[in-house]
Amino acid sequence: MLGNLLDILIRDRTGNEKSLDDVLRSMNTTFAKTGKSYRDSLDVQLTTESVAGESFQEFFRKYVAGRSLFRTSRFWGWQA
């Protein structure tokens, strides 16, 4: 679920120019193809921010590293 939400946020913040696919491709190039390991969610966050050109610190702090519940209505545009 978090992957889908992250994809929606990336698309929203980049005017649908970038997506989670771009993040994964960048990580493949930076890490897998060079034989380097990535530092758990930190490098996912940094790569996401590089691709999207914006901070995703709050998203990763609250939903990946933290235990905050997310309201799906915020992401789907529903009123709750």
Protein backbone atom coordinates (compact mmCIF):
# COMPACT_ATOMS: atom_id res chain seq x y z
CA MET A 1 0.00 0.00 0.00
CA LEU A 2 2.80 2.44 0.86
CA GLY A 3 4.37 1.90 -2.55
CA ASN A 4 1.12 2.84 -4.27
CA LEU A 5 0.73 5.92 -2.09
CA LEU A 6 4.32 6.96 -2.70
CA ASP A 7 3.79 6.56 -6.44
CA ILE A 8 0.70 8.78 -6.29
CA LEU A 9 2.58 11.44 -4.33
CA ILE A 10 5.52 11.42 -6.74
CA ARG A 11 3.19 11.73 -9.71
CA ASP A 12 1.22 14.51 -8.01
CA ARG A 13 4.31 16.51 -7.08
CA THR A 14 5.88 16.17 -10.54
CA GLY A 15 2.80 16.78 -12.65
CA ASN A 16 2.80 13.11 -13.64
CA GLU A 17 6.27 13.49 -15.15
CA LYS A 18 7.91 11.04 -12.70
CA SER A 19 6.75 7.97 -10.80
CA LEU A 20 7.92 5.28 -8.43
CA ASP A 21 9.18 3.46 -11.52
CA ASP A 22 11.73 6.26 -12.02
CA VAL A 23 12.85 5.87 -8.40
CA LEU A 24 13.33 2.12 -8.82
CA ARG A 25 15.19 2.53 -12.11
CA SER A 26 17.50 5.08 -10.51
CA MET A 27 18.16 2.76 -7.58
CA ASN A 28 18.87 -0.10 -9.96
CA THR A 29 21.44 2.04 -11.78
CA THR A 30 23.00 3.46 -8.63
CA PHE A 31 23.06 0.34 -6.50
CA ALA A 32 22.31 -2.99 -8.21
CA LYS A 33 24.31 -2.41 -11.38
CA THR A 34 27.33 -1.19 -9.42
CA GLY A 35 27.16 -3.94 -6.81
CA LYS A 36 26.55 -1.48 -3.98
CA SER A 37 24.08 -2.04 -1.18
CA TYR A 38 21.60 0.64 -0.22
CA ARG A 39 20.98 1.85 3.34
CA ASP A 40 17.46 0.57 3.96
CA SER A 41 14.78 3.25 3.65
CA LEU A 42 17.24 6.18 3.77
CA ASP A 43 18.46 5.61 0.23
CA VAL A 44 14.92 4.99 -0.99
CA GLN A 45 13.95 8.36 0.49
CA LEU A 46 16.99 10.16 -0.92
CA THR A 47 16.45 8.67 -4.36
CA THR A 48 12.76 9.60 -4.25
CA GLU A 49 13.66 13.17 -3.35
CA SER A 50 16.25 13.33 -6.11
CA VAL A 51 13.79 12.05 -8.71
CA ALA A 52 10.86 14.18 -7.55
CA GLY A 53 12.86 17.29 -6.68
CA GLU A 54 11.07 17.67 -3.33
CA SER A 55 11.38 16.49 0.24
CA PHE A 56 9.64 13.29 1.24
CA GLN A 57 11.04 13.43 4.76
CA GLU A 58 7.64 13.69 6.43
CA PHE A 59 6.21 10.74 4.45
CA PHE A 60 9.15 8.49 5.33
CA ARG A 61 9.28 9.69 8.95
CA LYS A 62 5.58 9.14 9.58
CA TYR A 63 4.71 6.12 7.45
CA VAL A 64 7.91 4.18 6.79
CA ALA A 65 10.01 4.67 9.94
CA GLY A 66 7.08 5.60 12.17
CA ARG A 67 3.79 4.08 13.10
CA SER A 68 1.46 6.85 12.03
CA LEU A 69 -1.76 5.77 10.43
CA PHE A 70 -2.45 7.41 7.12
CA ARG A 71 -5.83 8.52 6.01
CA THR A 72 -6.43 7.07 2.59
CA SER A 73 -8.93 9.85 1.92
CA ARG A 74 -6.01 12.30 1.81
CA PHE A 75 -4.37 10.35 -0.99
CA TRP A 76 -7.47 9.41 -2.96
CA GLY A 77 -9.08 12.84 -2.68
CA TRP A 78 -12.06 11.63 -0.68
CA GLN A 79 -13.67 13.64 2.08
CA ALA A 80 -13.91 11.72 5.33
